[in-house]
């Protein structure tokens, strides 16, 4: 997720696969690629193929600022939907992923540096099964390492993302993501909602 400098700001246009220079990137990237570090972009895999309904409380820290959001996630084998509200109840963004195509909307008051693909990249790195996310990261030269209480994403032997988990499993736990390359951190409390 990128509330954090990249996590929540989305652009107003639907993704079209165009190549752009993202504000935090030192390389040109596709709109559907997650920016893990200034010089590392990865295409994220589609939804995991499971049925998930989850609620999340997200608190992000970046450059001395704190941002908080409430998010609702709905995932089926073919679709992924996310809606995020700020602490005033305003809709910050919505993301729909269908058939390999991502559509999104974002509030005008969000910073421009955060992209939807980056947010989905963070969600995938934190919550998707290792077997789903590891091949996508390997395709862009990154490695996913599992630790005793989390995950680390490495690029050229340097840690770029560090995730630690609290007690729980899958979507039912708290997670802490630190993006070492961009200097932000995100605390997520996540819980599945009975369907």
N, C-alpha and C. Protein backbone atom coordinates (compact mmCIF):
# COMPACT_ATOMS: atom_id res chain seq x y z
N UNK A 1 0.81 -1.07 0.00
CA UNK A 1 0.00 0.00 0.00
C UNK A 1 0.90 1.20 0.00
N UNK A 2 0.76 2.60 -0.43
CA UNK A 2 1.70 3.71 -0.52
C UNK A 2 1.17 5.00 -0.04
N UNK A 3 0.43 5.01 0.88
CA UNK A 3 -0.09 6.23 1.47
C UNK A 3 1.13 7.04 1.72
N UNK A 4 1.99 6.52 1.96
CA UNK A 4 3.34 6.79 2.27
C UNK A 4 3.93 7.48 1.11
N UNK A 5 4.22 8.08 0.49
CA UNK A 5 4.73 8.77 -0.63
C UNK A 5 4.27 8.14 -1.92
N UNK A 6 4.03 6.87 -1.95
CA UNK A 6 3.58 6.27 -3.19
C UNK A 6 2.28 5.54 -2.98
N UNK A 7 1.92 5.19 -1.77
CA UNK A 7 0.85 4.25 -1.54
C UNK A 7 -0.51 4.73 -1.94
N UNK A 8 -0.92 5.94 -1.66
CA UNK A 8 -2.30 6.25 -1.96
C UNK A 8 -2.56 7.26 -3.03
N UNK A 9 -1.67 8.11 -3.41
CA UNK A 9 -2.03 9.03 -4.45
C UNK A 9 -2.10 8.32 -5.79
N UNK A 10 -3.20 8.44 -6.44
CA UNK A 10 -3.38 7.86 -7.77
C UNK A 10 -3.65 8.98 -8.75
N UNK A 11 -3.41 8.73 -10.01
CA UNK A 11 -3.72 9.75 -10.99
C UNK A 11 -5.15 9.60 -11.46
N UNK A 12 -5.71 10.65 -12.07
CA UNK A 12 -7.13 10.67 -12.39
C UNK A 12 -7.48 9.86 -13.62
N UNK A 13 -6.52 9.53 -14.44
CA UNK A 13 -6.83 8.81 -15.66
C UNK A 13 -6.73 7.31 -15.47
N UNK A 14 -7.50 6.56 -16.23
CA UNK A 14 -7.43 5.11 -16.15
C UNK A 14 -6.08 4.65 -16.68
N UNK A 15 -5.59 3.53 -16.16
CA UNK A 15 -4.31 3.01 -16.63
C UNK A 15 -4.45 2.59 -18.08
N UNK A 16 -3.46 2.94 -18.85
CA UNK A 16 -3.51 2.60 -20.27
C UNK A 16 -2.26 1.87 -20.72
N UNK A 17 -1.35 1.54 -19.80
CA UNK A 17 -0.13 0.87 -20.19
C UNK A 17 0.89 1.82 -20.78
N UNK A 18 0.69 3.11 -20.61
CA UNK A 18 1.63 4.09 -21.16
C UNK A 18 2.90 4.12 -20.34
N UNK A 19 4.01 4.47 -20.99
CA UNK A 19 5.26 4.63 -20.28
C UNK A 19 5.33 6.06 -19.75
N UNK A 20 5.67 6.21 -18.47
CA UNK A 20 5.76 7.53 -17.87
C UNK A 20 7.02 7.61 -17.03
N UNK A 21 7.33 8.82 -16.63
CA UNK A 21 8.40 9.02 -15.65
C UNK A 21 7.70 9.33 -14.34
N UNK A 22 7.61 8.35 -13.45
CA UNK A 22 6.95 8.55 -12.16
C UNK A 22 7.78 9.52 -11.32
N UNK A 23 7.12 10.32 -10.46
CA UNK A 23 7.84 11.33 -9.69
C UNK A 23 9.02 10.79 -8.87
N UNK A 24 8.93 9.57 -8.36
CA UNK A 24 9.99 9.02 -7.52
C UNK A 24 10.94 8.11 -8.29
N UNK A 25 10.77 7.99 -9.59
CA UNK A 25 11.54 7.03 -10.37
C UNK A 25 12.75 7.67 -11.05
N UNK A 26 13.78 6.86 -11.22
CA UNK A 26 14.91 7.31 -12.02
C UNK A 26 14.88 6.61 -13.38
N UNK A 27 13.80 5.85 -13.62
CA UNK A 27 13.63 5.12 -14.88
C UNK A 27 12.22 5.36 -15.39
N UNK A 28 12.01 5.14 -16.69
CA UNK A 28 10.66 5.18 -17.26
C UNK A 28 9.97 3.86 -16.93
N UNK A 29 8.70 3.94 -16.54
CA UNK A 29 7.98 2.73 -16.15
C UNK A 29 6.60 2.70 -16.78
N UNK A 30 6.06 1.49 -16.88
CA UNK A 30 4.69 1.31 -17.33
C UNK A 30 3.75 1.69 -16.18
N UNK A 31 2.57 2.19 -16.53
CA UNK A 31 1.61 2.57 -15.50
C UNK A 31 1.15 1.39 -14.65
N UNK A 32 1.31 0.17 -15.16
CA UNK A 32 0.89 -1.00 -14.39
C UNK A 32 2.04 -1.67 -13.64
N UNK A 33 3.20 -1.02 -13.58
CA UNK A 33 4.33 -1.55 -12.84
C UNK A 33 4.45 -0.85 -11.49
N UNK A 34 4.74 -1.64 -10.45
CA UNK A 34 4.97 -1.08 -9.12
C UNK A 34 6.41 -0.62 -9.02
N UNK A 35 6.60 0.55 -8.46
CA UNK A 35 7.94 1.10 -8.27
C UNK A 35 8.40 0.73 -6.87
N UNK A 36 9.36 -0.21 -6.78
CA UNK A 36 9.85 -0.69 -5.50
C UNK A 36 10.98 0.18 -4.95
N UNK A 37 11.74 0.76 -5.86
CA UNK A 37 12.87 1.64 -5.54
C UNK A 37 13.03 2.57 -6.74
N UNK A 38 13.81 3.64 -6.63
CA UNK A 38 13.91 4.58 -7.74
C UNK A 38 14.29 3.96 -9.09
N UNK A 39 15.00 2.84 -9.05
CA UNK A 39 15.43 2.22 -10.30
C UNK A 39 14.90 0.80 -10.49
N UNK A 40 13.82 0.44 -9.79
CA UNK A 40 13.29 -0.92 -9.85
C UNK A 40 11.77 -0.88 -10.00
N UNK A 41 11.28 -1.34 -11.16
CA UNK A 41 9.84 -1.41 -11.41
C UNK A 41 9.47 -2.84 -11.74
N UNK A 42 8.36 -3.32 -11.17
CA UNK A 42 7.92 -4.70 -11.38
C UNK A 42 6.44 -4.73 -11.74
N UNK A 43 6.09 -5.54 -12.72
CA UNK A 43 4.68 -5.80 -13.02
C UNK A 43 4.17 -6.76 -11.94
N UNK A 44 3.08 -6.38 -11.31
CA UNK A 44 2.53 -7.21 -10.24
C UNK A 44 1.63 -8.30 -10.80
N UNK A 45 1.60 -9.45 -10.16
CA UNK A 45 0.75 -10.54 -10.64
C UNK A 45 -0.72 -10.22 -10.37
N UNK A 46 -1.63 -10.89 -11.08
CA UNK A 46 -3.06 -10.68 -10.85
C UNK A 46 -3.47 -11.20 -9.48
N UNK A 47 -4.73 -10.98 -9.10
CA UNK A 47 -5.20 -11.48 -7.81
C UNK A 47 -4.86 -12.95 -7.60
N UNK A 48 -4.84 -13.35 -6.34
CA UNK A 48 -4.31 -14.66 -5.96
C UNK A 48 -5.20 -15.84 -6.30
N UNK A 49 -6.42 -15.60 -6.74
CA UNK A 49 -7.31 -16.70 -7.07
C UNK A 49 -8.17 -17.14 -5.91
N UNK A 50 -8.15 -16.39 -4.83
CA UNK A 50 -8.96 -16.75 -3.66
C UNK A 50 -10.08 -15.74 -3.49
N UNK A 51 -10.99 -16.06 -2.58
CA UNK A 51 -12.07 -15.14 -2.23
C UNK A 51 -11.75 -14.52 -0.88
N UNK A 52 -11.56 -13.19 -0.88
CA UNK A 52 -11.20 -12.48 0.33
C UNK A 52 -12.03 -11.21 0.43
N UNK A 53 -12.53 -10.94 1.61
CA UNK A 53 -13.13 -9.66 1.93
C UNK A 53 -12.43 -9.20 3.20
N UNK A 54 -11.74 -8.06 3.14
CA UNK A 54 -10.95 -7.63 4.28
C UNK A 54 -11.14 -6.13 4.53
N UNK A 55 -11.00 -5.76 5.80
CA UNK A 55 -11.01 -4.37 6.21
C UNK A 55 -9.63 -4.06 6.78
N UNK A 56 -9.11 -2.88 6.47
CA UNK A 56 -7.78 -2.52 6.93
C UNK A 56 -7.75 -1.10 7.48
N UNK A 57 -6.98 -0.94 8.53
CA UNK A 57 -6.63 0.38 9.03
C UNK A 57 -5.17 0.58 8.69
N UNK A 58 -4.86 1.69 8.01
CA UNK A 58 -3.52 1.93 7.50
C UNK A 58 -3.00 3.25 8.05
N UNK A 59 -1.83 3.21 8.64
CA UNK A 59 -1.17 4.42 9.11
C UNK A 59 0.21 4.46 8.46
N UNK A 60 0.45 5.52 7.69
CA UNK A 60 1.70 5.65 6.96
C UNK A 60 2.50 6.82 7.51
N UNK A 61 3.81 6.67 7.47
CA UNK A 61 4.72 7.70 7.97
C UNK A 61 5.72 8.03 6.88
N UNK A 62 5.79 9.32 6.52
CA UNK A 62 6.71 9.74 5.46
C UNK A 62 7.12 11.19 5.70
N UNK A 63 8.44 11.41 5.77
CA UNK A 63 9.01 12.75 5.93
C UNK A 63 8.34 13.55 7.06
N UNK A 64 8.19 12.91 8.22
CA UNK A 64 7.65 13.59 9.38
C UNK A 64 6.14 13.74 9.36
N UNK A 65 5.47 13.25 8.34
CA UNK A 65 4.01 13.34 8.23
C UNK A 65 3.40 11.97 8.50
N UNK A 66 2.20 11.98 9.06
CA UNK A 66 1.45 10.74 9.28
C UNK A 66 0.14 10.83 8.53
N UNK A 67 -0.19 9.75 7.81
CA UNK A 67 -1.43 9.67 7.05
C UNK A 67 -2.19 8.44 7.53
N UNK A 68 -3.49 8.55 7.70
CA UNK A 68 -4.27 7.37 8.10
C UNK A 68 -5.44 7.17 7.16
N UNK A 69 -5.74 5.91 6.88
CA UNK A 69 -6.80 5.53 5.96
C UNK A 69 -7.51 4.29 6.47
N UNK A 70 -8.75 4.14 6.05
CA UNK A 70 -9.50 2.90 6.23
C UNK A 70 -9.71 2.33 4.83
N UNK A 71 -9.46 1.05 4.65
CA UNK A 71 -9.61 0.45 3.32
C UNK A 71 -10.48 -0.79 3.40
N UNK A 72 -11.24 -1.02 2.34
CA UNK A 72 -12.03 -2.24 2.16
C UNK A 72 -11.50 -2.93 0.90
N UNK A 73 -11.22 -4.21 1.02
CA UNK A 73 -10.69 -4.99 -0.10
C UNK A 73 -11.63 -6.16 -0.37
N UNK A 74 -11.96 -6.34 -1.64
CA UNK A 74 -12.75 -7.49 -2.09
C UNK A 74 -11.94 -8.18 -3.19
N UNK A 75 -11.68 -9.47 -3.00
CA UNK A 75 -10.93 -10.21 -4.01
C UNK A 75 -11.66 -11.50 -4.33
N UNK A 76 -11.77 -11.79 -5.63
CA UNK A 76 -12.28 -13.07 -6.11
C UNK A 76 -11.19 -13.63 -7.02
N UNK A 77 -11.38 -14.84 -7.53
CA UNK A 77 -10.34 -15.38 -8.41
C UNK A 77 -10.02 -14.51 -9.63
N UNK A 78 -10.96 -13.68 -10.07
CA UNK A 78 -10.74 -12.88 -11.28
C UNK A 78 -10.72 -11.38 -11.07
N UNK A 79 -11.01 -10.92 -9.86
CA UNK A 79 -11.17 -9.48 -9.65
C UNK A 79 -10.54 -9.04 -8.33
N UNK A 80 -10.18 -7.77 -8.28
CA UNK A 80 -9.66 -7.17 -7.07
C UNK A 80 -10.21 -5.75 -6.99
N UNK A 81 -10.86 -5.42 -5.87
CA UNK A 81 -11.42 -4.08 -5.65
C UNK A 81 -10.89 -3.53 -4.34
N UNK A 82 -10.52 -2.26 -4.35
CA UNK A 82 -10.07 -1.60 -3.13
C UNK A 82 -10.70 -0.21 -3.08
N UNK A 83 -11.23 0.16 -1.91
CA UNK A 83 -11.73 1.50 -1.68
C UNK A 83 -11.07 2.00 -0.40
N UNK A 84 -10.50 3.20 -0.45
CA UNK A 84 -9.83 3.77 0.72
C UNK A 84 -10.45 5.12 1.07
N UNK A 85 -10.69 5.32 2.36
CA UNK A 85 -11.23 6.57 2.89
C UNK A 85 -10.22 7.18 3.85
N UNK A 86 -10.16 8.52 3.89
CA UNK A 86 -9.28 9.15 4.87
C UNK A 86 -9.98 9.22 6.22
N UNK A 87 -9.32 9.80 7.23
CA UNK A 87 -9.89 9.79 8.57
C UNK A 87 -11.08 10.75 8.72
N UNK A 88 -11.39 11.52 7.68
CA UNK A 88 -12.59 12.36 7.67
C UNK A 88 -13.75 11.69 6.93
N UNK A 89 -13.51 10.48 6.44
CA UNK A 89 -14.53 9.75 5.71
C UNK A 89 -14.59 10.09 4.23
N UNK A 90 -13.63 10.87 3.73
CA UNK A 90 -13.60 11.21 2.31
C UNK A 90 -12.97 10.06 1.52
N UNK A 91 -13.54 9.78 0.34
CA UNK A 91 -12.97 8.73 -0.51
C UNK A 91 -11.65 9.23 -1.08
N UNK A 92 -10.59 8.54 -0.74
CA UNK A 92 -9.26 8.89 -1.25
C UNK A 92 -9.04 8.28 -2.62
N UNK A 93 -9.49 7.02 -2.78
CA UNK A 93 -9.29 6.36 -4.06
C UNK A 93 -10.10 5.10 -4.12
N UNK A 94 -10.25 4.60 -5.34
CA UNK A 94 -10.80 3.27 -5.57
C UNK A 94 -10.00 2.65 -6.71
N UNK A 95 -9.81 1.35 -6.61
CA UNK A 95 -9.05 0.61 -7.62
C UNK A 95 -9.83 -0.64 -7.99
N UNK A 96 -9.99 -0.88 -9.27
CA UNK A 96 -10.64 -2.10 -9.76
C UNK A 96 -9.67 -2.78 -10.72
N UNK A 97 -9.47 -4.09 -10.50
CA UNK A 97 -8.58 -4.88 -11.35
C UNK A 97 -9.40 -6.01 -11.94
N UNK A 98 -9.59 -6.01 -13.25
CA UNK A 98 -10.38 -7.01 -13.95
C UNK A 98 -9.63 -7.47 -15.18
N UNK A 99 -9.47 -8.77 -15.34
CA UNK A 99 -8.87 -9.31 -16.55
C UNK A 99 -7.52 -8.70 -16.91
N UNK A 100 -6.69 -8.44 -15.91
CA UNK A 100 -5.36 -7.88 -16.15
C UNK A 100 -5.36 -6.39 -16.41
N UNK A 101 -6.50 -5.73 -16.29
CA UNK A 101 -6.59 -4.28 -16.52
C UNK A 101 -7.00 -3.58 -15.22
N UNK A 102 -6.31 -2.51 -14.90
CA UNK A 102 -6.58 -1.76 -13.68
C UNK A 102 -7.25 -0.43 -14.04
N UNK A 103 -8.37 -0.14 -13.38
CA UNK A 103 -9.02 1.16 -13.47
C UNK A 103 -9.03 1.76 -12.08
N UNK A 104 -8.91 3.06 -11.98
CA UNK A 104 -8.88 3.68 -10.67
C UNK A 104 -9.37 5.11 -10.72
N UNK A 105 -9.75 5.61 -9.57
CA UNK A 105 -10.06 7.03 -9.39
C UNK A 105 -9.31 7.48 -8.15
N UNK A 106 -9.04 8.77 -8.07
CA UNK A 106 -8.36 9.30 -6.90
C UNK A 106 -8.86 10.69 -6.60
N UNK A 107 -8.81 11.05 -5.34
CA UNK A 107 -9.23 12.39 -4.94
C UNK A 107 -8.20 13.42 -5.38
N UNK A 108 -8.66 14.59 -5.75
CA UNK A 108 -7.76 15.66 -6.20
C UNK A 108 -6.79 16.10 -5.11
N UNK A 109 -7.17 15.92 -3.84
CA UNK A 109 -6.32 16.39 -2.74
C UNK A 109 -5.18 15.44 -2.39
N UNK A 110 -5.11 14.30 -3.02
CA UNK A 110 -4.00 13.38 -2.76
C UNK A 110 -2.72 13.86 -3.45
N UNK A 111 -1.56 13.58 -2.85
CA UNK A 111 -0.29 13.94 -3.50
C UNK A 111 -0.13 13.17 -4.82
N UNK A 112 0.55 13.76 -5.76
CA UNK A 112 0.70 13.16 -7.09
C UNK A 112 1.76 12.07 -7.15
N UNK A 113 2.61 11.96 -6.14
CA UNK A 113 3.74 11.02 -6.19
C UNK A 113 3.34 9.57 -5.99
N UNK A 114 2.14 9.29 -5.52
CA UNK A 114 1.75 7.92 -5.23
C UNK A 114 0.91 7.37 -6.37
N UNK A 115 1.24 6.15 -6.77
CA UNK A 115 0.59 5.52 -7.92
C UNK A 115 -0.16 4.27 -7.49
N UNK A 116 -1.27 3.91 -8.18
CA UNK A 116 -2.05 2.74 -7.80
C UNK A 116 -1.26 1.44 -7.92
N UNK A 117 -0.44 1.32 -8.93
CA UNK A 117 0.35 0.10 -9.08
C UNK A 117 1.30 -0.08 -7.91
N UNK A 118 1.83 1.02 -7.38
CA UNK A 118 2.71 0.94 -6.21
C UNK A 118 1.94 0.43 -5.00
N UNK A 119 0.72 0.94 -4.81
CA UNK A 119 -0.09 0.50 -3.71
C UNK A 119 -0.41 -0.99 -3.81
N UNK A 120 -0.78 -1.42 -5.00
CA UNK A 120 -1.07 -2.85 -5.19
C UNK A 120 0.18 -3.69 -5.02
N UNK A 121 1.32 -3.14 -5.40
CA UNK A 121 2.58 -3.85 -5.17
C UNK A 121 2.83 -4.08 -3.69
N UNK A 122 2.59 -3.06 -2.88
CA UNK A 122 2.76 -3.22 -1.43
C UNK A 122 1.78 -4.24 -0.86
N UNK A 123 0.53 -4.19 -1.31
CA UNK A 123 -0.47 -5.17 -0.84
C UNK A 123 -0.01 -6.58 -1.20
N UNK A 124 0.45 -6.77 -2.43
CA UNK A 124 0.90 -8.08 -2.87
C UNK A 124 2.10 -8.56 -2.06
N UNK A 125 3.07 -7.68 -1.84
CA UNK A 125 4.26 -8.06 -1.09
C UNK A 125 3.91 -8.45 0.34
N UNK A 126 2.96 -7.76 0.95
CA UNK A 126 2.60 -8.03 2.34
C UNK A 126 1.65 -9.21 2.47
N UNK A 127 0.61 -9.31 1.61
CA UNK A 127 -0.47 -10.25 1.88
C UNK A 127 -0.61 -11.41 0.92
N UNK A 128 -0.04 -11.35 -0.28
CA UNK A 128 -0.25 -12.44 -1.21
C UNK A 128 0.69 -13.59 -0.93
N UNK A 129 0.27 -14.80 -1.28
CA UNK A 129 1.13 -15.98 -1.03
C UNK A 129 2.49 -15.84 -1.70
N UNK A 130 3.49 -16.40 -1.05
CA UNK A 130 4.86 -16.34 -1.56
C UNK A 130 4.94 -16.85 -2.99
N UNK A 131 4.26 -17.95 -3.27
CA UNK A 131 4.31 -18.55 -4.61
C UNK A 131 3.71 -17.66 -5.68
N UNK A 132 2.89 -16.70 -5.30
CA UNK A 132 2.30 -15.76 -6.26
C UNK A 132 3.20 -14.56 -6.51
N UNK A 133 3.76 -14.01 -5.45
CA UNK A 133 4.53 -12.77 -5.58
C UNK A 133 6.00 -13.00 -5.94
N UNK A 134 6.58 -14.10 -5.50
CA UNK A 134 8.01 -14.34 -5.75
C UNK A 134 8.37 -14.35 -7.24
N UNK A 135 7.62 -15.05 -8.11
CA UNK A 135 7.97 -15.03 -9.54
C UNK A 135 7.86 -13.64 -10.17
N UNK A 136 6.89 -12.85 -9.75
CA UNK A 136 6.75 -11.49 -10.29
C UNK A 136 7.95 -10.63 -9.91
N UNK A 137 8.42 -10.76 -8.68
CA UNK A 137 9.59 -10.00 -8.25
C UNK A 137 10.85 -10.49 -8.97
N UNK A 138 10.96 -11.80 -9.13
CA UNK A 138 12.14 -12.35 -9.81
C UNK A 138 12.23 -11.85 -11.25
N UNK A 139 11.08 -11.66 -11.89
CA UNK A 139 11.07 -11.20 -13.29
C UNK A 139 11.66 -9.81 -13.45
N UNK A 140 11.71 -9.02 -12.38
CA UNK A 140 12.29 -7.68 -12.49
C UNK A 140 13.60 -7.57 -11.71
N UNK A 141 14.20 -8.71 -11.37
CA UNK A 141 15.50 -8.70 -10.73
C UNK A 141 15.47 -8.54 -9.22
N UNK A 142 14.30 -8.74 -8.61
CA UNK A 142 14.18 -8.64 -7.15
C UNK A 142 13.97 -10.04 -6.57
N UNK A 143 14.36 -10.22 -5.33
CA UNK A 143 14.19 -11.51 -4.65
C UNK A 143 13.35 -11.31 -3.40
N UNK A 144 12.45 -12.25 -3.16
CA UNK A 144 11.64 -12.25 -1.94
C UNK A 144 12.22 -13.28 -1.00
N UNK A 145 12.63 -12.82 0.18
CA UNK A 145 13.22 -13.70 1.19
C UNK A 145 12.26 -13.75 2.37
N UNK A 146 11.91 -14.96 2.80
CA UNK A 146 11.07 -15.10 3.99
C UNK A 146 11.95 -15.18 5.21
N UNK A 147 11.56 -14.46 6.26
CA UNK A 147 12.28 -14.47 7.52
C UNK A 147 11.40 -15.14 8.57
N UNK A 148 11.89 -15.24 9.79
CA UNK A 148 11.10 -15.90 10.84
C UNK A 148 9.82 -15.14 11.16
N UNK A 149 9.78 -13.83 10.95
CA UNK A 149 8.56 -13.07 11.25
C UNK A 149 8.19 -12.10 10.14
N UNK A 150 8.60 -12.38 8.88
CA UNK A 150 8.23 -11.47 7.81
C UNK A 150 8.84 -11.81 6.48
N UNK A 151 9.05 -10.77 5.69
CA UNK A 151 9.59 -10.88 4.34
C UNK A 151 10.54 -9.72 4.08
N UNK A 152 11.50 -9.96 3.21
CA UNK A 152 12.41 -8.91 2.76
C UNK A 152 12.48 -8.99 1.24
N UNK A 153 12.39 -7.83 0.59
CA UNK A 153 12.60 -7.76 -0.85
C UNK A 153 14.00 -7.18 -1.06
N UNK A 154 14.82 -7.94 -1.81
CA UNK A 154 16.19 -7.53 -2.09
C UNK A 154 16.35 -7.28 -3.58
N UNK A 155 17.17 -6.28 -3.89
CA UNK A 155 17.55 -5.99 -5.27
C UNK A 155 19.06 -5.80 -5.28
N UNK A 156 19.75 -6.60 -6.08
CA UNK A 156 21.22 -6.55 -6.15
C UNK A 156 21.84 -6.58 -4.74
N UNK A 157 21.40 -7.52 -3.95
CA UNK A 157 21.90 -7.75 -2.59
C UNK A 157 21.67 -6.59 -1.62
N UNK A 158 20.79 -5.67 -1.94
CA UNK A 158 20.44 -4.63 -0.96
C UNK A 158 18.97 -4.76 -0.62
N UNK A 159 18.66 -4.59 0.66
CA UNK A 159 17.27 -4.64 1.12
C UNK A 159 16.57 -3.37 0.67
N UNK A 160 15.42 -3.51 -0.02
CA UNK A 160 14.64 -2.34 -0.41
C UNK A 160 13.31 -2.25 0.33
N UNK A 161 12.76 -3.40 0.71
CA UNK A 161 11.50 -3.44 1.47
C UNK A 161 11.63 -4.49 2.56
N UNK A 162 11.17 -4.13 3.75
CA UNK A 162 11.19 -5.04 4.89
C UNK A 162 9.77 -5.10 5.46
N UNK A 163 9.25 -6.32 5.64
CA UNK A 163 7.91 -6.52 6.20
C UNK A 163 8.03 -7.38 7.44
N UNK A 164 7.42 -6.95 8.53
CA UNK A 164 7.33 -7.79 9.73
C UNK A 164 5.85 -7.97 10.07
N UNK A 165 5.55 -9.15 10.59
CA UNK A 165 4.17 -9.49 10.95
C UNK A 165 4.04 -9.67 12.45
N UNK A 166 2.86 -9.33 12.96
CA UNK A 166 2.51 -9.67 14.33
C UNK A 166 1.75 -10.99 14.29
N UNK A 167 1.21 -11.41 15.42
CA UNK A 167 0.49 -12.69 15.48
C UNK A 167 -0.69 -12.69 14.52
N UNK A 168 -0.99 -13.85 14.01
CA UNK A 168 -2.10 -14.02 13.08
C UNK A 168 -1.60 -14.71 11.83
N UNK A 169 -2.48 -14.77 10.83
CA UNK A 169 -2.14 -15.47 9.60
C UNK A 169 -2.88 -14.82 8.44
N UNK A 170 -2.29 -14.86 7.26
CA UNK A 170 -2.94 -14.34 6.06
C UNK A 170 -3.37 -12.89 6.22
N UNK A 171 -4.63 -12.63 5.94
CA UNK A 171 -5.18 -11.28 6.02
C UNK A 171 -5.54 -10.89 7.45
N UNK A 172 -5.51 -11.82 8.39
CA UNK A 172 -5.92 -11.54 9.77
C UNK A 172 -4.70 -11.31 10.67
N UNK A 173 -4.06 -10.16 10.48
CA UNK A 173 -2.91 -9.82 11.31
C UNK A 173 -2.48 -8.38 11.05
N UNK A 174 -1.61 -7.93 11.90
CA UNK A 174 -0.99 -6.62 11.69
C UNK A 174 0.33 -6.83 10.96
N UNK A 175 0.65 -5.89 10.09
CA UNK A 175 1.90 -5.95 9.33
C UNK A 175 2.53 -4.56 9.33
N UNK A 176 3.85 -4.55 9.27
CA UNK A 176 4.61 -3.31 9.25
C UNK A 176 5.56 -3.36 8.05
N UNK A 177 5.37 -2.46 7.10
CA UNK A 177 6.20 -2.41 5.90
C UNK A 177 7.09 -1.18 5.98
N UNK A 178 8.38 -1.39 5.73
CA UNK A 178 9.33 -0.27 5.63
C UNK A 178 9.93 -0.32 4.23
N UNK A 179 9.75 0.76 3.49
CA UNK A 179 10.41 0.87 2.20
C UNK A 179 11.70 1.65 2.44
N UNK A 180 12.81 0.92 2.46
CA UNK A 180 14.12 1.50 2.75
C UNK A 180 14.61 2.39 1.61
N UNK A 181 14.19 2.08 0.39
CA UNK A 181 14.63 2.85 -0.76
C UNK A 181 13.98 4.23 -0.80
N UNK A 182 12.70 4.33 -0.43
CA UNK A 182 11.98 5.60 -0.48
C UNK A 182 11.82 6.26 0.89
N UNK A 183 12.17 5.54 1.96
CA UNK A 183 12.14 6.14 3.28
C UNK A 183 10.77 6.36 3.88
N UNK A 184 9.85 5.42 3.67
CA UNK A 184 8.55 5.52 4.33
C UNK A 184 8.24 4.21 5.04
N UNK A 185 7.28 4.26 5.96
CA UNK A 185 6.83 3.04 6.63
C UNK A 185 5.31 3.06 6.69
N UNK A 186 4.74 1.87 6.75
CA UNK A 186 3.28 1.71 6.79
C UNK A 186 2.95 0.64 7.82
N UNK A 187 2.00 0.96 8.70
CA UNK A 187 1.47 -0.01 9.66
C UNK A 187 0.06 -0.36 9.22
N UNK A 188 -0.21 -1.64 9.06
CA UNK A 188 -1.51 -2.10 8.57
C UNK A 188 -2.11 -3.08 9.58
N UNK A 189 -3.32 -2.81 10.01
CA UNK A 189 -4.09 -3.78 10.80
C UNK A 189 -5.16 -4.32 9.87
N UNK A 190 -5.14 -5.61 9.60
CA UNK A 190 -6.02 -6.19 8.61
C UNK A 190 -6.85 -7.31 9.24
N UNK A 191 -8.11 -7.42 8.81
CA UNK A 191 -8.98 -8.50 9.30
C UNK A 191 -9.93 -8.90 8.19
N UNK A 192 -10.08 -10.20 8.01
CA UNK A 192 -11.05 -10.70 7.04
C UNK A 192 -12.46 -10.48 7.59
N UNK A 193 -13.38 -10.19 6.68
CA UNK A 193 -14.77 -9.99 7.03
C UNK A 193 -15.52 -11.23 6.59
N UNK A 194 -16.34 -11.77 7.48
CA UNK A 194 -17.12 -12.96 7.12
C UNK A 194 -18.07 -12.64 5.97
N UNK A 195 -18.13 -13.55 5.00
CA UNK A 195 -19.00 -13.32 3.84
C UNK A 195 -20.25 -14.17 3.93
